Amino acid sequence: MPKINVSLPQEILRQIDQARIEGKLSRSEFFRQASQSYLQSLERKKREEEKRQGIEKAIQLQDKIRERVGHWDALSELRKMREAQR
């Protein structure tokens, strides 16, 4: 496993050591878990942004369709279709 060197302010290192001791973790394990958690957080944010953009695109498409079609009462049309089938 590759090794890295990281420079941290003394106060942050003190907080990390306190947290890892409470969690019964080595420094290496603490940083592995923290790094994994951060990467997962970035991935979640990326998926949320993609979802938000997809929703925005769908809304824009829906607005364009509405402009072309005009007012259309889908519920009324469904009722007419059901009545015609009876």
C-alpha atoms as a PDB file:
ATOM      1  CA  MET A   1       0.000   0.000   0.000  1.00  0.00           C
ATOM      2  CA  PRO A   2       1.448   3.403  -0.948  1.00  0.00           C
ATOM      3  CA  LYS A   3       2.339   5.829   1.822  1.00  0.00           C
ATOM      4  CA  ILE A   4       1.824   9.580   1.762  1.00  0.00           C
ATOM      5  CA  ASN A   5       2.942  12.530   3.874  1.00  0.00           C
ATOM      6  CA  VAL A   6       0.399  15.116   4.925  1.00  0.00           C
ATOM      7  CA  SER A   7       1.040  18.446   6.621  1.00  0.00           C
ATOM      8  CA  LEU A   8      -1.661  19.512   9.078  1.00  0.00           C
ATOM      9  CA  PRO A   9      -2.012  22.313  11.592  1.00  0.00           C
ATOM     10  CA  GLN A  10      -1.345  21.115  15.140  1.00  0.00           C
ATOM     11  CA  GLU A  11      -4.931  21.807  16.280  1.00  0.00           C
ATOM     12  CA  ILE A  12      -6.444  19.694  13.499  1.00  0.00           C
ATOM     13  CA  LEU A  13      -4.038  16.851  14.276  1.00  0.00           C
ATOM     14  CA  ARG A  14      -5.016  17.083  17.958  1.00  0.00           C
ATOM     15  CA  GLN A  15      -8.714  16.811  17.037  1.00  0.00           C
ATOM     16  CA  ILE A  16      -8.014  13.895  14.696  1.00  0.00           C
ATOM     17  CA  ASP A  17      -6.021  12.074  17.360  1.00  0.00           C
ATOM     18  CA  GLN A  18      -8.783  12.612  19.903  1.00  0.00           C
ATOM     19  CA  ALA A  19     -11.429  11.287  17.495  1.00  0.00           C
ATOM     20  CA  ARG A  20      -9.365   8.291  16.357  1.00  0.00           C
ATOM     21  CA  ILE A  21      -8.511   7.315  19.936  1.00  0.00           C
ATOM     22  CA  GLU A  22     -12.204   7.461  20.869  1.00  0.00           C
ATOM     23  CA  GLY A  23     -12.979   5.378  17.768  1.00  0.00           C
ATOM     24  CA  LYS A  24     -10.080   3.006  18.539  1.00  0.00           C
ATOM     25  CA  LEU A  25      -8.509   3.613  15.133  1.00  0.00           C
ATOM     26  CA  SER A  26      -4.965   4.048  13.963  1.00  0.00           C
ATOM     27  CA  ARG A  27      -4.155   7.288  12.187  1.00  0.00           C
ATOM     28  CA  SER A  28      -3.914   5.378   8.932  1.00  0.00           C
ATOM     29  CA  GLU A  29      -7.337   3.802   9.409  1.00  0.00           C
ATOM     30  CA  PHE A  30      -8.814   7.150  10.424  1.00  0.00           C
ATOM     31  CA  PHE A  31      -7.541   8.763   7.219  1.00  0.00           C
ATOM     32  CA  ARG A  32      -8.672   5.803   5.092  1.00  0.00           C
ATOM     33  CA  GLN A  33     -12.195   6.042   6.495  1.00  0.00           C
ATOM     34  CA  ALA A  34     -12.272   9.842   6.306  1.00  0.00           C
ATOM     35  CA  SER A  35     -11.054   9.768   2.697  1.00  0.00           C
ATOM     36  CA  GLN A  36     -13.624   7.143   1.731  1.00  0.00           C
ATOM     37  CA  SER A  37     -16.393   9.112   3.416  1.00  0.00           C
ATOM     38  CA  TYR A  38     -15.363  12.292   1.605  1.00  0.00           C
ATOM     39  CA  LEU A  39     -15.218  10.526  -1.768  1.00  0.00           C
ATOM     40  CA  GLN A  40     -18.692   9.062  -1.188  1.00  0.00           C
ATOM     41  CA  SER A  41     -19.954  12.528  -0.293  1.00  0.00           C
ATOM     42  CA  LEU A  42     -18.551  13.937  -3.538  1.00  0.00           C
ATOM     43  CA  GLU A  43     -20.208  11.123  -5.519  1.00  0.00           C
ATOM     44  CA  ARG A  44     -23.573  11.781  -3.807  1.00  0.00           C
ATOM     45  CA  LYS A  45     -23.322  15.495  -4.613  1.00  0.00           C
ATOM     46  CA  LYS A  46     -22.477  14.661  -8.225  1.00  0.00           C
ATOM     47  CA  ARG A  47     -25.510  12.350  -8.547  1.00  0.00           C
ATOM     48  CA  GLU A  48     -27.767  14.943  -6.888  1.00  0.00           C
ATOM     49  CA  GLU A  49     -26.554  17.617  -9.329  1.00  0.00           C
ATOM     50  CA  GLU A  50     -27.117  15.300 -12.301  1.00  0.00           C
ATOM     51  CA  LYS A  51     -30.612  14.555 -11.008  1.00  0.00           C
ATOM     52  CA  ARG A  52     -31.317  18.251 -10.519  1.00  0.00           C
ATOM     53  CA  GLN A  53     -30.146  19.006 -14.049  1.00  0.00           C
ATOM     54  CA  GLY A  54     -32.300  16.170 -15.407  1.00  0.00           C
ATOM     55  CA  ILE A  55     -35.352  17.534 -13.618  1.00  0.00           C
ATOM     56  CA  GLU A  56     -34.625  21.033 -14.919  1.00  0.00           C
ATOM     57  CA  LYS A  57     -34.286  19.690 -18.458  1.00  0.00           C
ATOM     58  CA  ALA A  58     -37.585  17.783 -18.119  1.00  0.00           C
ATOM     59  CA  ILE A  59     -39.333  20.925 -16.881  1.00  0.00           C
ATOM     60  CA  GLN A  60     -38.002  22.915 -19.822  1.00  0.00           C
ATOM     61  CA  LEU A  61     -39.160  20.211 -22.239  1.00  0.00           C
ATOM     62  CA  GLN A  62     -42.571  20.115 -20.595  1.00  0.00           C
ATOM     63  CA  ASP A  63     -42.828  23.899 -20.913  1.00  0.00           C
ATOM     64  CA  LYS A  64     -41.971  23.730 -24.636  1.00  0.00           C
ATOM     65  CA  ILE A  65     -44.608  21.049 -25.192  1.00  0.00           C
ATOM     66  CA  ARG A  66     -47.167  23.093 -23.278  1.00  0.00           C
ATOM     67  CA  GLU A  67     -46.400  26.125 -25.476  1.00  0.00           C
ATOM     68  CA  ARG A  68     -47.010  24.102 -28.657  1.00  0.00           C
ATOM     69  CA  VAL A  69     -50.067  22.175 -27.473  1.00  0.00           C
ATOM     70  CA  GLY A  70     -51.731  24.865 -25.419  1.00  0.00           C
ATOM     71  CA  HIS A  71     -54.100  24.042 -22.591  1.00  0.00           C
ATOM     72  CA  TRP A  72     -54.949  20.362 -22.404  1.00  0.00           C
ATOM     73  CA  ASP A  73     -56.953  18.746 -19.631  1.00  0.00           C
ATOM     74  CA  ALA A  74     -55.471  15.261 -19.357  1.00  0.00           C
ATOM     75  CA  LEU A  75     -57.935  14.164 -16.666  1.00  0.00           C
ATOM     76  CA  SER A  76     -60.885  15.138 -18.825  1.00  0.00           C
ATOM     77  CA  GLU A  77     -59.445  13.259 -21.797  1.00  0.00           C
ATOM     78  CA  LEU A  78     -58.901  10.140 -19.679  1.00  0.00           C
ATOM     79  CA  ARG A  79     -62.490  10.267 -18.478  1.00  0.00           C
ATOM     80  CA  LYS A  80     -63.726  10.545 -22.074  1.00  0.00           C
ATOM     81  CA  MET A  81     -61.626   7.522 -23.091  1.00  0.00           C
ATOM     82  CA  ARG A  82     -62.948   5.457 -20.164  1.00  0.00           C
ATOM     83  CA  GLU A  83     -66.538   6.384 -20.981  1.00  0.00           C
ATOM     84  CA  ALA A  84     -66.008   5.427 -24.631  1.00  0.00           C
ATOM     85  CA  GLN A  85     -64.754   1.988 -23.574  1.00  0.00           C
ATOM     86  CA  ARG A  86     -67.892   1.215 -21.559  1.00  0.00           C
END
